[in-house]
Amino acid sequence: MQNFDMTTLVFLALAVFVAWKLRSVLGQKTGHEKPPVDPFARREAPPMRPDQAGNGERRDNVVRLPGAANDAAAAPVVDAERWKDIAEPGSPIAVGLDAIVRQEPRFDAKGFLGGAKSAYETIVTAFARGDRKTLKGLLAKEVYDGFEQAISEREKRGEKAESNFVSIDKAEITAVDVKGKAAQITIAFVSQLISAVRDAQGNVVDGSADAVSEVNDVWTFSRQLASRDPNWLLVATESAA
């Protein structure tokens, strides 16, 4: 009994200690506590302040979202200068470029021309070197097959080509054709080039290793609009008179 009484006293003491700690941490109920907050409960909007009155609409913390219903009446802005220095307004070229922009709003004609000039120089240089790998990534299959055949025949004869650009004086869009998602842009290039072909003994058999010649080419690039592949491929070439 003495052991039982001692154990009971110990547990009673612990119970009193725990109750005292809970009381000190949580406090006592006074009858004025707020009920728990329901995060999904509907809340009434606070009344407007006098300085917000006028037409009866709430104006505090109003955020206009772009593209929302309140923008539905906004008409698209037409940029009359969009193709400045590229094409005359209303011309077939401008109409074709507009058709591209309707499917790819970020299309930039000046940026395209800059890329086309780089592609022009890269393709001409790669053809002279016989760099099939570079050509394959820039040419449509039919055009690549023609370039590859010319390179193979040159190699069989033991000849080597040299092409060195002095400058590209002109790159002008001359035609734009859009059918469905297929777009084609034709560009007239005028460049200054030093080009020559040497035989197996190193003798120049075509062109000149020193003289600069003016070259006029008309190339057509094509691409499927709105596709994941951003590259335009060369689909046709011809020499201008």
Protein backbone atom coordinates (compact mmCIF):
# COMPACT_ATOMS: atom_id res chain seq x y z
CA MET A 1 0.00 0.00 0.00
CA GLN A 2 2.88 2.33 0.79
CA ASN A 3 4.36 1.68 -2.69
CA PHE A 4 0.95 2.15 -4.32
CA ASP A 5 0.40 5.43 -2.46
CA MET A 6 3.81 6.76 -3.48
CA THR A 7 3.17 5.87 -7.16
CA THR A 8 -0.24 7.54 -7.07
CA LEU A 9 1.27 10.68 -5.58
CA VAL A 10 3.91 10.83 -8.29
CA PHE A 11 1.30 10.56 -11.09
CA LEU A 12 -0.91 13.16 -9.41
CA ALA A 13 2.04 15.53 -9.21
CA LEU A 14 2.82 15.03 -12.90
CA ALA A 15 -0.83 15.61 -13.84
CA VAL A 16 -0.93 18.88 -11.90
CA PHE A 17 2.34 20.03 -13.54
CA VAL A 18 1.10 19.26 -17.08
CA ALA A 19 -2.22 21.04 -16.45
CA TRP A 20 -0.34 24.11 -15.19
CA LYS A 21 1.94 24.23 -18.25
CA LEU A 22 -0.99 23.93 -20.68
CA ARG A 23 -2.79 26.75 -18.90
CA SER A 24 0.25 29.00 -19.04
CA VAL A 25 0.86 28.34 -22.78
CA LEU A 26 -2.73 28.35 -24.12
CA GLY A 27 -4.34 30.76 -21.72
CA GLN A 28 -7.85 30.76 -20.48
CA LYS A 29 -11.14 31.03 -22.39
CA THR A 30 -12.85 34.34 -21.73
CA GLY A 31 -15.97 33.85 -23.85
CA HIS A 32 -14.84 36.49 -26.41
CA GLU A 33 -12.72 34.30 -28.65
CA LYS A 34 -13.24 34.55 -32.47
CA PRO A 35 -14.51 31.42 -34.20
CA PRO A 36 -12.03 29.53 -36.42
CA VAL A 37 -11.55 31.11 -39.89
CA ASP A 38 -12.89 29.18 -42.91
CA PRO A 39 -10.56 30.01 -45.83
CA PHE A 40 -13.24 29.01 -48.35
CA ALA A 41 -16.08 31.05 -46.86
CA ARG A 42 -17.48 33.90 -48.97
CA ARG A 43 -16.51 37.34 -47.72
CA GLU A 44 -18.46 40.51 -48.36
CA ALA A 45 -16.50 43.35 -49.95
CA PRO A 46 -15.70 46.17 -47.54
CA PRO A 47 -17.76 49.33 -48.06
CA MET A 48 -16.32 52.05 -50.31
CA ARG A 49 -14.70 55.04 -48.73
CA PRO A 50 -16.26 58.45 -49.50
CA ASP A 51 -13.37 59.32 -51.86
CA GLN A 52 -14.20 56.24 -53.94
CA ALA A 53 -17.82 57.16 -54.56
CA GLY A 54 -18.97 58.62 -57.85
CA ASN A 55 -20.52 56.32 -60.39
CA GLY A 56 -21.16 53.58 -57.84
CA GLU A 57 -18.25 51.42 -59.03
CA ARG A 58 -15.49 50.13 -56.78
CA ARG A 59 -12.14 51.55 -57.84
CA ASP A 60 -9.75 50.33 -55.18
CA ASN A 61 -7.20 47.70 -56.19
CA VAL A 62 -8.61 47.28 -59.72
CA VAL A 63 -6.23 45.40 -62.06
CA ARG A 64 -6.85 45.26 -65.84
CA LEU A 65 -5.73 41.96 -67.30
CA PRO A 66 -4.45 42.09 -70.89
CA GLY A 67 -6.59 40.07 -73.24
CA ALA A 68 -9.53 40.08 -70.82
CA ALA A 69 -13.13 40.71 -71.85
CA ASN A 70 -12.76 44.46 -71.27
CA ASP A 71 -10.17 44.53 -74.09
CA ALA A 72 -12.41 42.79 -76.60
CA ALA A 73 -13.39 46.02 -78.32
CA ALA A 74 -9.77 47.14 -78.82
CA ALA A 75 -8.87 47.03 -82.52
CA PRO A 76 -5.40 45.85 -83.57
CA VAL A 77 -3.01 48.66 -84.44
CA VAL A 78 -1.86 48.57 -88.06
CA ASP A 79 1.76 49.65 -88.45
CA ALA A 80 2.03 51.45 -91.77
CA GLU A 81 5.83 51.54 -91.37
CA ARG A 82 6.16 47.81 -90.73
CA TRP A 83 7.89 47.06 -94.04
CA LYS A 84 9.75 50.35 -94.42
CA ASP A 85 12.82 49.91 -96.66
CA ILE A 86 11.60 46.36 -97.42
CA ALA A 87 8.44 46.69 -99.50
CA GLU A 88 6.01 49.36 -100.65
CA PRO A 89 2.70 49.46 -98.74
CA GLY A 90 0.06 47.42 -100.54
CA SER A 91 2.58 45.77 -102.88
CA PRO A 92 2.48 41.99 -103.48
CA ILE A 93 5.62 41.66 -101.33
CA ALA A 94 4.03 43.58 -98.44
CA VAL A 95 0.85 41.49 -98.75
CA GLY A 96 2.91 38.30 -98.63
CA LEU A 97 4.88 39.48 -95.60
CA ASP A 98 1.60 40.36 -93.87
CA ALA A 99 0.41 36.80 -94.54
CA ILE A 100 3.52 35.46 -92.81
CA VAL A 101 3.02 37.74 -89.80
CA ARG A 102 -0.56 36.55 -89.38
CA GLN A 103 0.82 33.08 -88.66
CA GLU A 104 4.07 34.17 -87.02
CA PRO A 105 3.59 37.58 -85.35
CA ARG A 106 7.27 37.78 -84.37
CA PHE A 107 8.54 37.54 -87.96
CA ASP A 108 11.08 40.30 -88.64
CA ALA A 109 11.84 40.95 -92.32
CA LYS A 110 15.05 42.86 -91.64
CA GLY A 111 16.26 40.13 -89.33
CA PHE A 112 15.35 37.57 -91.99
CA LEU A 113 17.40 39.43 -94.60
CA GLY A 114 20.37 39.53 -92.25
CA GLY A 115 20.11 35.77 -91.73
CA ALA A 116 19.70 35.19 -95.47
CA LYS A 117 22.92 37.09 -96.19
CA SER A 118 24.78 34.94 -93.67
CA ALA A 119 23.26 31.79 -95.18
CA TYR A 120 24.20 32.95 -98.69
CA GLU A 121 27.85 33.40 -97.75
CA THR A 122 27.94 30.16 -95.76
CA ILE A 123 26.42 28.10 -98.60
CA VAL A 124 28.70 29.52 -101.30
CA THR A 125 31.78 28.97 -99.14
CA ALA A 126 30.69 25.45 -98.11
CA PHE A 127 30.07 24.51 -101.75
CA ALA A 128 33.59 25.62 -102.68
CA ARG A 129 35.08 23.57 -99.84
CA GLY A 130 32.91 20.56 -100.60
CA ASP A 131 31.45 20.74 -97.07
CA ARG A 132 28.47 18.44 -97.50
CA LYS A 133 27.55 18.43 -93.81
CA THR A 134 27.03 22.19 -93.68
CA LEU A 135 25.12 22.19 -96.97
CA LYS A 136 22.78 19.42 -95.88
CA GLY A 137 21.47 21.51 -92.99
CA LEU A 138 20.75 24.54 -95.18
CA LEU A 139 19.41 23.11 -98.44
CA ALA A 140 16.22 21.36 -99.44
CA LYS A 141 16.82 17.80 -100.65
CA GLU A 142 16.50 18.58 -104.36
CA VAL A 143 18.93 21.48 -104.15
CA TYR A 144 21.33 19.50 -102.00
CA ASP A 145 21.34 16.66 -104.51
CA GLY A 146 22.35 19.09 -107.26
CA PHE A 147 25.12 20.64 -105.16
CA GLU A 148 26.39 17.24 -104.07
CA GLN A 149 26.54 16.00 -107.67
CA ALA A 150 28.56 19.04 -108.73
CA ILE A 151 30.98 18.53 -105.82
CA SER A 152 31.40 14.83 -106.65
CA GLU A 153 32.14 15.57 -110.32
CA ARG A 154 34.67 18.23 -109.32
CA GLU A 155 36.36 15.78 -106.98
CA LYS A 156 36.54 13.12 -109.71
CA ARG A 157 38.39 15.59 -111.91
CA GLY A 158 40.78 16.37 -109.07
CA GLU A 159 39.76 20.00 -109.04
CA LYS A 160 39.43 22.36 -106.09
CA ALA A 161 37.30 25.49 -105.86
CA GLU A 162 38.09 28.71 -104.02
CA SER A 163 35.56 31.38 -103.04
CA ASN A 164 36.34 34.49 -101.00
CA PHE A 165 33.72 37.11 -100.30
CA VAL A 166 34.73 40.73 -100.56
CA SER A 167 31.27 42.07 -99.79
CA ILE A 168 27.54 41.50 -100.16
CA ASP A 169 26.30 44.74 -101.63
CA LYS A 170 22.61 43.95 -101.86
CA ALA A 171 20.02 41.54 -100.50
CA GLU A 172 16.51 42.47 -101.62
CA ILE A 173 13.24 40.57 -101.28
CA THR A 174 11.72 40.27 -104.75
CA ALA A 175 8.82 37.90 -104.10
CA VAL A 176 6.85 36.35 -101.23
CA ASP A 177 4.47 33.43 -101.66
CA VAL A 178 2.36 31.95 -98.86
CA LYS A 179 0.12 28.96 -99.46
CA GLY A 180 -1.37 27.56 -96.29
CA LYS A 181 1.56 27.14 -93.94
CA ALA A 182 4.16 26.92 -96.72
CA ALA A 183 6.01 30.20 -97.20
CA GLN A 184 8.62 31.08 -99.80
CA ILE A 185 10.72 34.23 -99.94
CA THR A 186 12.85 35.05 -102.97
CA ILE A 187 15.91 37.27 -102.55
CA ALA A 188 18.15 38.92 -105.14
CA PHE A 189 21.79 39.03 -104.01
CA VAL A 190 24.55 41.19 -105.45
CA SER A 191 27.99 40.32 -104.13
CA GLN A 192 31.66 40.95 -104.85
CA LEU A 193 33.49 37.64 -104.98
CA ILE A 194 36.91 36.24 -105.79
CA SER A 195 36.42 32.73 -107.10
CA ALA A 196 38.55 30.25 -108.98
CA VAL A 197 38.80 26.55 -109.77
CA ARG A 198 42.20 24.86 -109.84
CA ASP A 199 43.10 21.54 -111.40
CA ALA A 200 45.12 18.78 -109.72
CA GLN A 201 48.36 20.65 -110.58
CA GLY A 202 47.13 23.87 -109.00
CA ASN A 203 46.53 25.72 -112.23
CA VAL A 204 43.50 28.01 -112.47
CA VAL A 205 41.09 26.50 -114.98
CA ASP A 206 38.08 28.69 -114.27
CA GLY A 207 37.61 32.13 -112.73
CA SER A 208 40.44 34.19 -111.27
CA ALA A 209 42.45 33.92 -108.11
CA ASP A 210 42.97 37.68 -107.97
CA ALA A 211 40.19 39.55 -109.75
CA VAL A 212 37.00 40.58 -107.98
CA SER A 213 33.83 39.72 -109.85
CA GLU A 214 30.28 40.93 -109.32
CA VAL A 215 27.90 38.02 -108.85
CA ASN A 216 24.11 38.31 -109.18
CA ASP A 217 22.09 35.46 -107.74
CA VAL A 218 18.39 34.93 -107.08
CA TRP A 219 17.69 32.44 -104.30
CA THR A 220 14.42 31.24 -102.84
CA PHE A 221 14.08 30.13 -99.23
CA SER A 222 11.15 28.13 -97.85
CA ARG A 223 9.75 27.16 -94.47
CA GLN A 224 6.63 25.66 -92.87
CA LEU A 225 5.21 28.46 -90.74
CA ALA A 226 4.38 27.86 -87.08
CA SER A 227 6.56 24.75 -87.06
CA ARG A 228 9.10 23.98 -84.33
CA ASP A 229 11.95 24.10 -86.84
CA PRO A 230 12.96 27.78 -87.21
CA ASN A 231 15.25 27.19 -90.21
CA TRP A 232 14.52 28.42 -93.72
CA LEU A 233 15.87 26.07 -96.39
CA LEU A 234 17.19 27.03 -99.80
CA VAL A 235 14.80 25.52 -102.36
CA ALA A 236 15.84 27.20 -105.63
CA THR A 237 18.81 29.07 -107.12
CA GLU A 238 19.43 30.90 -110.37
CA SER A 239 21.91 33.40 -111.71
CA ALA A 240 20.53 36.80 -112.61
CA ALA A 241 21.63 38.47 -115.84
